[in-house]
PDB file of all heavy atoms in Angstrom:
ATOM      1  N   ILE A   1      -6.027  -8.292  -0.196  1.00  0.00           N
ATOM      2  CA  ILE A   1      -6.030  -7.084   0.626  1.00  0.00           C
ATOM      3  C   ILE A   1      -5.023  -7.225   1.758  1.00  0.00           C
ATOM      4  O   ILE A   1      -4.236  -6.313   2.025  1.00  0.00           O
ATOM      5  CB  ILE A   1      -7.441  -6.787   1.176  1.00  0.00           C
ATOM      6  CG1 ILE A   1      -8.356  -6.293   0.054  1.00  0.00           C
ATOM      7  CG2 ILE A   1      -7.381  -5.736   2.291  1.00  0.00           C
ATOM      8  CD1 ILE A   1      -9.815  -6.135   0.464  1.00  0.00           C
ATOM      9  N   LYS A   2      -5.032  -8.376   2.413  1.00  0.00           N
ATOM     10  CA  LYS A   2      -4.097  -8.600   3.515  1.00  0.00           C
ATOM     11  C   LYS A   2      -2.653  -8.535   3.018  1.00  0.00           C
ATOM     12  O   LYS A   2      -1.793  -7.914   3.645  1.00  0.00           O
ATOM     13  CB  LYS A   2      -4.367  -9.943   4.182  1.00  0.00           C
ATOM     14  CG  LYS A   2      -3.453 -10.233   5.351  1.00  0.00           C
ATOM     15  CD  LYS A   2      -3.848 -11.466   6.089  1.00  0.00           C
ATOM     16  CE  LYS A   2      -2.937 -11.854   7.201  1.00  0.00           C
ATOM     17  NZ  LYS A   2      -1.901 -10.944   7.612  1.00  0.00           N
ATOM     18  N   GLU A   3      -2.407  -9.147   1.883  1.00  0.00           N
ATOM     19  CA  GLU A   3      -1.063  -9.157   1.296  1.00  0.00           C
ATOM     20  C   GLU A   3      -0.594  -7.736   0.966  1.00  0.00           C
ATOM     21  O   GLU A   3       0.538  -7.355   1.273  1.00  0.00           O
ATOM     22  CB  GLU A   3      -1.105 -10.011   0.029  1.00  0.00           C
ATOM     23  CG  GLU A   3       0.181 -10.153  -0.715  1.00  0.00           C
ATOM     24  CD  GLU A   3      -0.022 -10.990  -1.974  1.00  0.00           C
ATOM     25  OE1 GLU A   3      -0.664 -12.059  -1.897  1.00  0.00           O
ATOM     26  OE2 GLU A   3       0.473 -10.551  -3.035  1.00  0.00           O
ATOM     27  N   VAL A   4      -1.481  -6.948   0.364  1.00  0.00           N
ATOM     28  CA  VAL A   4      -1.131  -5.584  -0.018  1.00  0.00           C
ATOM     29  C   VAL A   4      -0.911  -4.716   1.223  1.00  0.00           C
ATOM     30  O   VAL A   4       0.002  -3.895   1.263  1.00  0.00           O
ATOM     31  CB  VAL A   4      -2.214  -4.982  -0.947  1.00  0.00           C
ATOM     32  CG1 VAL A   4      -1.981  -3.505  -1.173  1.00  0.00           C
ATOM     33  CG2 VAL A   4      -2.236  -5.718  -2.279  1.00  0.00           C
ATOM     34  N   LYS A   5      -1.733  -4.910   2.251  1.00  0.00           N
ATOM     35  CA  LYS A   5      -1.558  -4.142   3.485  1.00  0.00           C
ATOM     36  C   LYS A   5      -0.217  -4.454   4.142  1.00  0.00           C
ATOM     37  O   LYS A   5       0.431  -3.567   4.694  1.00  0.00           O
ATOM     38  CB  LYS A   5      -2.706  -4.401   4.453  1.00  0.00           C
ATOM     39  CG  LYS A   5      -3.967  -3.648   4.077  1.00  0.00           C
ATOM     40  CD  LYS A   5      -5.007  -3.763   5.166  1.00  0.00           C
ATOM     41  CE  LYS A   5      -6.191  -2.891   4.856  1.00  0.00           C
ATOM     42  NZ  LYS A   5      -7.143  -2.853   5.973  1.00  0.00           N
ATOM     43  N   ASP A   6       0.209  -5.707   4.065  1.00  0.00           N
ATOM     44  CA  ASP A   6       1.524  -6.072   4.588  1.00  0.00           C
ATOM     45  C   ASP A   6       2.632  -5.363   3.804  1.00  0.00           C
ATOM     46  O   ASP A   6       3.621  -4.890   4.382  1.00  0.00           O
ATOM     47  CB  ASP A   6       1.737  -7.582   4.542  1.00  0.00           C
ATOM     48  CG  ASP A   6       0.892  -8.337   5.550  1.00  0.00           C
ATOM     49  OD1 ASP A   6       0.402  -7.706   6.517  1.00  0.00           O
ATOM     50  OD2 ASP A   6       0.727  -9.561   5.372  1.00  0.00           O
ATOM     51  N   GLU A   7       2.451  -5.279   2.493  1.00  0.00           N
ATOM     52  CA  GLU A   7       3.442  -4.590   1.667  1.00  0.00           C
ATOM     53  C   GLU A   7       3.465  -3.092   1.976  1.00  0.00           C
ATOM     54  O   GLU A   7       4.532  -2.478   2.033  1.00  0.00           O
ATOM     55  CB  GLU A   7       3.145  -4.822   0.182  1.00  0.00           C
ATOM     56  CG  GLU A   7       4.206  -4.264  -0.728  1.00  0.00           C
ATOM     57  CD  GLU A   7       3.978  -4.578  -2.200  1.00  0.00           C
ATOM     58  OE1 GLU A   7       3.095  -5.389  -2.519  1.00  0.00           O
ATOM     59  OE2 GLU A   7       4.702  -3.980  -3.023  1.00  0.00           O
ATOM     60  N   ILE A   8       2.287  -2.508   2.199  1.00  0.00           N
ATOM     61  CA  ILE A   8       2.213  -1.093   2.566  1.00  0.00           C
ATOM     62  C   ILE A   8       2.969  -0.854   3.871  1.00  0.00           C
ATOM     63  O   ILE A   8       3.727   0.110   4.001  1.00  0.00           O
ATOM     64  CB  ILE A   8       0.742  -0.625   2.692  1.00  0.00           C
ATOM     65  CG1 ILE A   8       0.090  -0.564   1.313  1.00  0.00           C
ATOM     66  CG2 ILE A   8       0.669   0.745   3.372  1.00  0.00           C
ATOM     67  CD1 ILE A   8      -1.406  -0.308   1.350  1.00  0.00           C
ATOM     68  N   PHE A   9       2.778  -1.748   4.836  1.00  0.00           N
ATOM     69  CA  PHE A   9       3.474  -1.615   6.112  1.00  0.00           C
ATOM     70  C   PHE A   9       4.985  -1.635   5.902  1.00  0.00           C
ATOM     71  O   PHE A   9       5.717  -0.813   6.458  1.00  0.00           O
ATOM     72  CB  PHE A   9       3.044  -2.737   7.064  1.00  0.00           C
ATOM     73  CG  PHE A   9       3.749  -2.691   8.392  1.00  0.00           C
ATOM     74  CD1 PHE A   9       3.368  -1.791   9.361  1.00  0.00           C
ATOM     75  CD2 PHE A   9       4.803  -3.548   8.654  1.00  0.00           C
ATOM     76  CE1 PHE A   9       4.024  -1.736  10.572  1.00  0.00           C
ATOM     77  CE2 PHE A   9       5.468  -3.510   9.863  1.00  0.00           C
ATOM     78  CZ  PHE A   9       5.076  -2.597  10.831  1.00  0.00           C
ATOM     79  N   SER A  10       5.433  -2.567   5.090  1.00  0.00           N
ATOM     80  CA  SER A  10       6.858  -2.687   4.809  1.00  0.00           C
ATOM     81  C   SER A  10       7.394  -1.414   4.151  1.00  0.00           C
ATOM     82  O   SER A  10       8.467  -0.916   4.511  1.00  0.00           O
ATOM     83  CB  SER A  10       7.109  -3.891   3.908  1.00  0.00           C
ATOM     84  OG  SER A  10       8.432  -3.944   3.499  1.00  0.00           O
ATOM     85  N   LEU A  11       6.650  -0.889   3.198  1.00  0.00           N
ATOM     86  CA  LEU A  11       7.085   0.328   2.511  1.00  0.00           C
ATOM     87  C   LEU A  11       7.092   1.525   3.458  1.00  0.00           C
ATOM     88  O   LEU A  11       7.964   2.398   3.364  1.00  0.00           O
ATOM     89  CB  LEU A  11       6.184   0.607   1.304  1.00  0.00           C
ATOM     90  CG  LEU A  11       6.322  -0.360   0.135  1.00  0.00           C
ATOM     91  CD1 LEU A  11       5.286  -0.050  -0.934  1.00  0.00           C
ATOM     92  CD2 LEU A  11       7.715  -0.332  -0.453  1.00  0.00           C
ATOM     93  N   ARG A  12       6.134   1.575   4.368  1.00  0.00           N
ATOM     94  CA  ARG A  12       6.112   2.674   5.333  1.00  0.00           C
ATOM     95  C   ARG A  12       7.317   2.613   6.263  1.00  0.00           C
ATOM     96  O   ARG A  12       7.854   3.652   6.663  1.00  0.00           O
ATOM     97  CB  ARG A  12       4.812   2.650   6.133  1.00  0.00           C
ATOM     98  CG  ARG A  12       3.619   3.110   5.289  1.00  0.00           C
ATOM     99  CD  ARG A  12       2.328   3.121   6.058  1.00  0.00           C
ATOM    100  NE  ARG A  12       2.405   4.066   7.158  1.00  0.00           N
ATOM    101  CZ  ARG A  12       1.755   3.902   8.311  1.00  0.00           C
ATOM    102  NH1 ARG A  12       1.013   2.843   8.513  1.00  0.00           N
ATOM    103  NH2 ARG A  12       1.860   4.807   9.258  1.00  0.00           N
ATOM    104  N   MET A  13       7.756   1.407   6.605  1.00  0.00           N
ATOM    105  CA  MET A  13       8.961   1.274   7.423  1.00  0.00           C
ATOM    106  C   MET A  13      10.191   1.754   6.644  1.00  0.00           C
ATOM    107  O   MET A  13      11.060   2.419   7.193  1.00  0.00           O
ATOM    108  CB  MET A  13       9.165  -0.176   7.861  1.00  0.00           C
ATOM    109  CG  MET A  13       8.180  -0.670   8.876  1.00  0.00           C
ATOM    110  SD  MET A  13       8.253   0.262  10.404  1.00  0.00           S
ATOM    111  CE  MET A  13       6.648   1.031  10.392  1.00  0.00           C
ATOM    112  N   GLN A  14      10.237   1.426   5.361  1.00  0.00           N
ATOM    113  CA  GLN A  14      11.340   1.893   4.521  1.00  0.00           C
ATOM    114  C   GLN A  14      11.328   3.416   4.425  1.00  0.00           C
ATOM    115  O   GLN A  14      12.376   4.059   4.452  1.00  0.00           O
ATOM    116  CB  GLN A  14      11.241   1.299   3.117  1.00  0.00           C
ATOM    117  CG  GLN A  14      11.562  -0.170   3.041  1.00  0.00           C
ATOM    118  CD  GLN A  14      11.405  -0.704   1.633  1.00  0.00           C
ATOM    119  OE1 GLN A  14      11.451   0.044   0.668  1.00  0.00           O
ATOM    120  NE2 GLN A  14      11.227  -2.014   1.520  1.00  0.00           N
ATOM    121  N   GLN A  15      10.124   3.971   4.321  1.00  0.00           N
ATOM    122  CA  GLN A  15       9.992   5.419   4.225  1.00  0.00           C
ATOM    123  C   GLN A  15      10.478   6.091   5.517  1.00  0.00           C
ATOM    124  O   GLN A  15      11.166   7.107   5.473  1.00  0.00           O
ATOM    125  CB  GLN A  15       8.534   5.796   3.962  1.00  0.00           C
ATOM    126  CG  GLN A  15       8.309   7.269   3.723  1.00  0.00           C
ATOM    127  CD  GLN A  15       6.860   7.573   3.402  1.00  0.00           C
ATOM    128  OE1 GLN A  15       5.967   6.921   3.926  1.00  0.00           O
ATOM    129  NE2 GLN A  15       6.629   8.539   2.550  1.00  0.00           N
ATOM    130  N   ALA A  16      10.165   5.499   6.649  1.00  0.00           N
ATOM    131  CA  ALA A  16      10.565   6.056   7.936  1.00  0.00           C
ATOM    132  C   ALA A  16      12.080   6.049   8.107  1.00  0.00           C
ATOM    133  O   ALA A  16      12.641   6.946   8.744  1.00  0.00           O
ATOM    134  CB  ALA A  16       9.903   5.286   9.065  1.00  0.00           C
ATOM    135  N   THR A  17      12.735   5.044   7.527  1.00  0.00           N
ATOM    136  CA  THR A  17      14.193   4.961   7.648  1.00  0.00           C
ATOM    137  C   THR A  17      14.906   5.675   6.503  1.00  0.00           C
ATOM    138  O   THR A  17      16.127   5.722   6.479  1.00  0.00           O
ATOM    139  CB  THR A  17      14.657   3.497   7.694  1.00  0.00           C
ATOM    140  OG1 THR A  17      14.252   2.834   6.496  1.00  0.00           O
ATOM    141  CG2 THR A  17      14.090   2.779   8.899  1.00  0.00           C
ATOM    142  N   GLY A  18      14.134   6.188   5.554  1.00  0.00           N
ATOM    143  CA  GLY A  18      14.729   6.931   4.438  1.00  0.00           C
ATOM    144  C   GLY A  18      15.218   6.052   3.308  1.00  0.00           C
ATOM    145  O   GLY A  18      15.993   6.511   2.468  1.00  0.00           O
ATOM    146  N   ASN A  19      14.797   4.803   3.254  1.00  0.00           N
ATOM    147  CA  ASN A  19      15.267   3.876   2.221  1.00  0.00           C
ATOM    148  C   ASN A  19      14.251   3.620   1.111  1.00  0.00           C
ATOM    149  O   ASN A  19      14.472   2.760   0.274  1.00  0.00           O
ATOM    150  CB  ASN A  19      15.635   2.529   2.856  1.00  0.00           C
ATOM    151  CG  ASN A  19      16.793   2.652   3.809  1.00  0.00           C
ATOM    152  OD1 ASN A  19      17.633   3.513   3.640  1.00  0.00           O
ATOM    153  ND2 ASN A  19      16.814   1.801   4.810  1.00  0.00           N
ATOM    154  N   LEU A  20      13.153   4.355   1.099  1.00  0.00           N
ATOM    155  CA  LEU A  20      12.110   4.117   0.110  1.00  0.00           C
ATOM    156  C   LEU A  20      12.517   4.721  -1.229  1.00  0.00           C
ATOM    157  O   LEU A  20      12.751   5.920  -1.343  1.00  0.00           O
ATOM    158  CB  LEU A  20      10.781   4.716   0.582  1.00  0.00           C
ATOM    159  CG  LEU A  20       9.567   4.453  -0.277  1.00  0.00           C
ATOM    160  CD1 LEU A  20       9.307   2.955  -0.382  1.00  0.00           C
ATOM    161  CD2 LEU A  20       8.355   5.152   0.294  1.00  0.00           C
ATOM    162  N   GLU A  21      12.633   3.874  -2.257  1.00  0.00           N
ATOM    163  CA  GLU A  21      13.083   4.336  -3.564  1.00  0.00           C
ATOM    164  C   GLU A  21      11.939   4.838  -4.440  1.00  0.00           C
ATOM    165  O   GLU A  21      12.136   5.710  -5.271  1.00  0.00           O
ATOM    166  CB  GLU A  21      13.811   3.209  -4.293  1.00  0.00           C
ATOM    167  CG  GLU A  21      15.122   2.832  -3.647  1.00  0.00           C
ATOM    168  CD  GLU A  21      15.869   1.784  -4.419  1.00  0.00           C
ATOM    169  OE1 GLU A  21      15.534   1.542  -5.592  1.00  0.00           O
ATOM    170  OE2 GLU A  21      16.788   1.190  -3.834  1.00  0.00           O
ATOM    171  N   LYS A  22      10.738   4.290  -4.258  1.00  0.00           N
ATOM    172  CA  LYS A  22       9.626   4.654  -5.127  1.00  0.00           C
ATOM    173  C   LYS A  22       8.409   5.029  -4.268  1.00  0.00           C
ATOM    174  O   LYS A  22       7.530   4.203  -4.023  1.00  0.00           O
ATOM    175  CB  LYS A  22       9.299   3.472  -6.044  1.00  0.00           C
ATOM    176  CG  LYS A  22       8.377   3.807  -7.175  1.00  0.00           C
ATOM    177  CD  LYS A  22       8.237   2.632  -8.128  1.00  0.00           C
ATOM    178  CE  LYS A  22       7.227   2.955  -9.200  1.00  0.00           C
ATOM    179  NZ  LYS A  22       6.964   1.803 -10.046  1.00  0.00           N
ATOM    180  N   PRO A  23       8.337   6.264  -3.806  1.00  0.00           N
ATOM    181  CA  PRO A  23       7.237   6.688  -2.930  1.00  0.00           C
ATOM    182  C   PRO A  23       5.859   6.565  -3.578  1.00  0.00           C
ATOM    183  O   PRO A  23       4.856   6.368  -2.884  1.00  0.00           O
ATOM    184  CB  PRO A  23       7.550   8.156  -2.636  1.00  0.00           C
ATOM    185  CG  PRO A  23       8.980   8.340  -2.965  1.00  0.00           C
ATOM    186  CD  PRO A  23       9.318   7.320  -4.013  1.00  0.00           C
ATOM    187  N   SER A  24       5.798   6.642  -4.889  1.00  0.00           N
ATOM    188  CA  SER A  24       4.510   6.550  -5.565  1.00  0.00           C
ATOM    189  C   SER A  24       3.875   5.164  -5.401  1.00  0.00           C
ATOM    190  O   SER A  24       2.664   5.011  -5.550  1.00  0.00           O
ATOM    191  CB  SER A  24       4.650   6.875  -7.047  1.00  0.00           C
ATOM    192  OG  SER A  24       5.506   5.943  -7.677  1.00  0.00           O
ATOM    193  N   ARG A  25       4.685   4.178  -5.088  1.00  0.00           N
ATOM    194  CA  ARG A  25       4.174   2.808  -4.895  1.00  0.00           C
ATOM    195  C   ARG A  25       3.187   2.754  -3.730  1.00  0.00           C
ATOM    196  O   ARG A  25       2.200   2.029  -3.789  1.00  0.00           O
ATOM    197  CB  ARG A  25       5.354   1.853  -4.661  1.00  0.00           C
ATOM    198  CG  ARG A  25       4.971   0.429  -4.501  1.00  0.00           C
ATOM    199  CD  ARG A  25       4.658  -0.226  -5.834  1.00  0.00           C
ATOM    200  NE  ARG A  25       4.380  -1.620  -5.611  1.00  0.00           N
ATOM    201  CZ  ARG A  25       3.340  -2.260  -6.115  1.00  0.00           C
ATOM    202  NH1 ARG A  25       2.518  -1.656  -6.919  1.00  0.00           N
ATOM    203  NH2 ARG A  25       3.146  -3.527  -5.846  1.00  0.00           N
ATOM    204  N   LEU A  26       3.445   3.529  -2.682  1.00  0.00           N
ATOM    205  CA  LEU A  26       2.522   3.578  -1.542  1.00  0.00           C
ATOM    206  C   LEU A  26       1.144   4.045  -1.995  1.00  0.00           C
ATOM    207  O   LEU A  26       0.127   3.463  -1.624  1.00  0.00           O
ATOM    208  CB  LEU A  26       3.042   4.537  -0.464  1.00  0.00           C
ATOM    209  CG  LEU A  26       4.004   3.970   0.540  1.00  0.00           C
ATOM    210  CD1 LEU A  26       4.596   5.075   1.386  1.00  0.00           C
ATOM    211  CD2 LEU A  26       3.336   2.946   1.408  1.00  0.00           C
ATOM    212  N   HIS A  27       1.125   5.096  -2.793  1.00  0.00           N
ATOM    213  CA  HIS A  27      -0.139   5.646  -3.304  1.00  0.00           C
ATOM    214  C   HIS A  27      -0.872   4.603  -4.153  1.00  0.00           C
ATOM    215  O   HIS A  27      -2.077   4.408  -3.997  1.00  0.00           O
ATOM    216  CB  HIS A  27       0.146   6.906  -4.115  1.00  0.00           C
ATOM    217  CG  HIS A  27      -1.062   7.562  -4.683  1.00  0.00           C
ATOM    218  ND1 HIS A  27      -1.970   8.249  -3.904  1.00  0.00           N
ATOM    219  CD2 HIS A  27      -1.532   7.619  -5.939  1.00  0.00           C
ATOM    220  CE1 HIS A  27      -2.937   8.705  -4.679  1.00  0.00           C
ATOM    221  NE2 HIS A  27      -2.687   8.334  -5.925  1.00  0.00           N
ATOM    222  N   GLU A  28      -0.149   3.934  -5.021  1.00  0.00           N
ATOM    223  CA  GLU A  28      -0.744   2.917  -5.886  1.00  0.00           C
ATOM    224  C   GLU A  28      -1.377   1.795  -5.063  1.00  0.00           C
ATOM    225  O   GLU A  28      -2.487   1.345  -5.362  1.00  0.00           O
ATOM    226  CB  GLU A  28       0.317   2.310  -6.804  1.00  0.00           C
ATOM    227  CG  GLU A  28       0.879   3.237  -7.835  1.00  0.00           C
ATOM    228  CD  GLU A  28       2.086   2.642  -8.544  1.00  0.00           C
ATOM    229  OE1 GLU A  28       2.332   1.421  -8.412  1.00  0.00           O
ATOM    230  OE2 GLU A  28       2.790   3.396  -9.236  1.00  0.00           O
ATOM    231  N   LEU A  29      -0.666   1.337  -4.042  1.00  0.00           N
ATOM    232  CA  LEU A  29      -1.162   0.225  -3.237  1.00  0.00           C
ATOM    233  C   LEU A  29      -2.399   0.621  -2.436  1.00  0.00           C
ATOM    234  O   LEU A  29      -3.340  -0.167  -2.297  1.00  0.00           O
ATOM    235  CB  LEU A  29      -0.063  -0.290  -2.303  1.00  0.00           C
ATOM    236  CG  LEU A  29       1.102  -0.997  -2.991  1.00  0.00           C
ATOM    237  CD1 LEU A  29       2.174  -1.355  -1.978  1.00  0.00           C
ATOM    238  CD2 LEU A  29       0.633  -2.236  -3.728  1.00  0.00           C
ATOM    239  N   ARG A  30      -2.402   1.839  -1.909  1.00  0.00           N
ATOM    240  CA  ARG A  30      -3.585   2.292  -1.162  1.00  0.00           C
ATOM    241  C   ARG A  30      -4.798   2.363  -2.079  1.00  0.00           C
ATOM    242  O   ARG A  30      -5.915   2.001  -1.686  1.00  0.00           O
ATOM    243  CB  ARG A  30      -3.323   3.646  -0.508  1.00  0.00           C
ATOM    244  CG  ARG A  30      -2.433   3.548   0.715  1.00  0.00           C
ATOM    245  CD  ARG A  30      -2.504   4.777   1.580  1.00  0.00           C
ATOM    246  NE  ARG A  30      -2.217   6.000   0.856  1.00  0.00           N
ATOM    247  CZ  ARG A  30      -1.038   6.618   0.824  1.00  0.00           C
ATOM    248  NH1 ARG A  30      -0.019   6.105   1.480  1.00  0.00           N
ATOM    249  NH2 ARG A  30      -0.879   7.736   0.136  1.00  0.00           N
ATOM    250  N   LYS A  31      -4.601   2.808  -3.308  1.00  0.00           N
ATOM    251  CA  LYS A  31      -5.689   2.856  -4.290  1.00  0.00           C
ATOM    252  C   LYS A  31      -6.186   1.442  -4.610  1.00  0.00           C
ATOM    253  O   LYS A  31      -7.393   1.220  -4.750  1.00  0.00           O
ATOM    254  CB  LYS A  31      -5.227   3.537  -5.582  1.00  0.00           C
ATOM    255  CG  LYS A  31      -4.979   4.996  -5.451  1.00  0.00           C
ATOM    256  CD  LYS A  31      -6.278   5.748  -5.470  1.00  0.00           C
ATOM    257  CE  LYS A  31      -6.000   7.228  -5.642  1.00  0.00           C
ATOM    258  NZ  LYS A  31      -7.222   7.990  -5.840  1.00  0.00           N
ATOM    259  N   ASP A  32      -5.257   0.483  -4.731  1.00  0.00           N
ATOM    260  CA  ASP A  32      -5.639  -0.907  -4.991  1.00  0.00           C
ATOM    261  C   ASP A  32      -6.511  -1.461  -3.869  1.00  0.00           C
ATOM    262  O   ASP A  32      -7.517  -2.134  -4.128  1.00  0.00           O
ATOM    263  CB  ASP A  32      -4.406  -1.789  -5.162  1.00  0.00           C
ATOM    264  CG  ASP A  32      -3.712  -1.586  -6.498  1.00  0.00           C
ATOM    265  OD1 ASP A  32      -4.311  -0.971  -7.411  1.00  0.00           O
ATOM    266  OD2 ASP A  32      -2.564  -2.056  -6.643  1.00  0.00           O
ATOM    267  N   VAL A  33      -6.130  -1.178  -2.627  1.00  0.00           N
ATOM    268  CA  VAL A  33      -6.922  -1.648  -1.485  1.00  0.00           C
ATOM    269  C   VAL A  33      -8.314  -1.042  -1.546  1.00  0.00           C
ATOM    270  O   VAL A  33      -9.322  -1.729  -1.334  1.00  0.00           O
ATOM    271  CB  VAL A  33      -6.228  -1.318  -0.146  1.00  0.00           C
ATOM    272  CG1 VAL A  33      -7.155  -1.570   1.027  1.00  0.00           C
ATOM    273  CG2 VAL A  33      -4.958  -2.138   0.008  1.00  0.00           C
ATOM    274  N   ALA A  34      -8.411   0.239  -1.862  1.00  0.00           N
ATOM    275  CA  ALA A  34      -9.710   0.912  -1.956  1.00  0.00           C
ATOM    276  C   ALA A  34     -10.567   0.273  -3.054  1.00  0.00           C
ATOM    277  O   ALA A  34     -11.766   0.045  -2.854  1.00  0.00           O
ATOM    278  CB  ALA A  34      -9.518   2.391  -2.229  1.00  0.00           C
ATOM    279  N   ARG A  35      -9.956  -0.036  -4.188  1.00  0.00           N
ATOM    280  CA  ARG A  35     -10.706  -0.679  -5.283  1.00  0.00           C
ATOM    281  C   ARG A  35     -11.250  -2.042  -4.845  1.00  0.00           C
ATOM    282  O   ARG A  35     -12.397  -2.382  -5.108  1.00  0.00           O
ATOM    283  CB  ARG A  35      -9.807  -0.867  -6.500  1.00  0.00           C
ATOM    284  CG  ARG A  35      -9.568   0.360  -7.282  1.00  0.00           C
ATOM    285  CD  ARG A  35      -8.776   0.042  -8.562  1.00  0.00           C
ATOM    286  NE  ARG A  35      -8.251   1.254  -9.117  1.00  0.00           N
ATOM    287  CZ  ARG A  35      -6.984   1.649  -9.007  1.00  0.00           C
ATOM    288  NH1 ARG A  35      -6.100   0.889  -8.397  1.00  0.00           N
ATOM    289  NH2 ARG A  35      -6.578   2.783  -9.540  1.00  0.00           N
ATOM    290  N   MET A  36     -10.391  -2.814  -4.171  1.00  0.00           N
ATOM    291  CA  MET A  36     -10.806  -4.148  -3.742  1.00  0.00           C
ATOM    292  C   MET A  36     -11.936  -4.066  -2.714  1.00  0.00           C
ATOM    293  O   MET A  36     -12.899  -4.830  -2.784  1.00  0.00           O
ATOM    294  CB  MET A  36      -9.611  -4.916  -3.182  1.00  0.00           C
ATOM    295  CG  MET A  36      -8.628  -5.342  -4.254  1.00  0.00           C
ATOM    296  SD  MET A  36      -7.292  -6.357  -3.629  1.00  0.00           S
ATOM    297  CE  MET A  36      -6.001  -5.149  -3.460  1.00  0.00           C
ATOM    298  N   LYS A  37     -11.828  -3.134  -1.788  1.00  0.00           N
ATOM    299  CA  LYS A  37     -12.876  -2.984  -0.775  1.00  0.00           C
ATOM    300  C   LYS A  37     -14.190  -2.529  -1.413  1.00  0.00           C
ATOM    301  O   LYS A  37     -15.266  -2.951  -0.995  1.00  0.00           O
ATOM    302  CB  LYS A  37     -12.435  -1.997   0.303  1.00  0.00           C
ATOM    303  CG  LYS A  37     -11.415  -2.579   1.246  1.00  0.00           C
ATOM    304  CD  LYS A  37     -11.100  -1.603   2.366  1.00  0.00           C
ATOM    305  CE  LYS A  37     -10.203  -2.237   3.402  1.00  0.00           C
ATOM    306  NZ  LYS A  37      -9.947  -1.313   4.527  1.00  0.00           N
ATOM    307  N   THR A  38     -14.099  -1.682  -2.429  1.00  0.00           N
ATOM    308  CA  THR A  38     -15.292  -1.220  -3.124  1.00  0.00           C
ATOM    309  C   THR A  38     -15.999  -2.392  -3.812  1.00  0.00           C
ATOM    310  O   THR A  38     -17.219  -2.527  -3.736  1.00  0.00           O
ATOM    311  CB  THR A  38     -14.934  -0.142  -4.162  1.00  0.00           C
ATOM    312  OG1 THR A  38     -14.350   0.970  -3.492  1.00  0.00           O
ATOM    313  CG2 THR A  38     -16.156   0.315  -4.951  1.00  0.00           C
ATOM    314  N   ILE A  39     -15.231  -3.235  -4.464  1.00  0.00           N
ATOM    315  CA  ILE A  39     -15.809  -4.396  -5.148  1.00  0.00           C
ATOM    316  C   ILE A  39     -16.430  -5.352  -4.143  1.00  0.00           C
ATOM    317  O   ILE A  39     -17.510  -5.901  -4.370  1.00  0.00           O
ATOM    318  CB  ILE A  39     -14.763  -5.073  -6.052  1.00  0.00           C
ATOM    319  CG1 ILE A  39     -14.440  -4.143  -7.224  1.00  0.00           C
ATOM    320  CG2 ILE A  39     -15.253  -6.430  -6.551  1.00  0.00           C
ATOM    321  CD1 ILE A  39     -13.284  -4.565  -8.072  1.00  0.00           C
ATOM    322  N   LEU A  40     -15.784  -5.551  -2.996  1.00  0.00           N
ATOM    323  CA  LEU A  40     -16.359  -6.412  -1.946  1.00  0.00           C
ATOM    324  C   LEU A  40     -17.679  -5.827  -1.466  1.00  0.00           C
ATOM    325  O   LEU A  40     -18.655  -6.572  -1.256  1.00  0.00           O
ATOM    326  CB  LEU A  40     -15.392  -6.564  -0.792  1.00  0.00           C
ATOM    327  CG  LEU A  40     -14.189  -7.468  -1.018  1.00  0.00           C
ATOM    328  CD1 LEU A  40     -13.292  -7.458   0.217  1.00  0.00           C
ATOM    329  CD2 LEU A  40     -14.619  -8.885  -1.335  1.00  0.00           C
ATOM    330  N   ALA A  41     -17.741  -4.516  -1.301  1.00  0.00           N
ATOM    331  CA  ALA A  41     -18.978  -3.868  -0.840  1.00  0.00           C
ATOM    332  C   ALA A  41     -20.083  -4.025  -1.882  1.00  0.00           C
ATOM    333  O   ALA A  41     -21.249  -4.274  -1.529  1.00  0.00           O
ATOM    334  CB  ALA A  41     -18.721  -2.395  -0.564  1.00  0.00           C
ATOM    335  N   GLU A  42     -19.739  -3.915  -3.151  1.00  0.00           N
ATOM    336  CA  GLU A  42     -20.718  -4.105  -4.221  1.00  0.00           C
ATOM    337  C   GLU A  42     -21.283  -5.520  -4.189  1.00  0.00           C
ATOM    338  O   GLU A  42     -22.479  -5.737  -4.392  1.00  0.00           O
ATOM    339  CB  GLU A  42     -20.076  -3.862  -5.584  1.00  0.00           C
ATOM    340  CG  GLU A  42     -19.785  -2.418  -5.876  1.00  0.00           C
ATOM    341  CD  GLU A  42     -19.023  -2.236  -7.172  1.00  0.00           C
ATOM    342  OE1 GLU A  42     -18.645  -3.245  -7.830  1.00  0.00           O
ATOM    343  OE2 GLU A  42     -18.784  -1.079  -7.550  1.00  0.00           O
TER     344      GLU A  42
END
């Protein structure tokens, strides 16, 4: 989760500067974090 959140931060910085090539990756990573948190809660 920590690793993925760091990657999300990096991608958001790329998005802010206009250098993000694959915007869908942000969505995928956020979904992954949600899945992991759900499993931890279970």
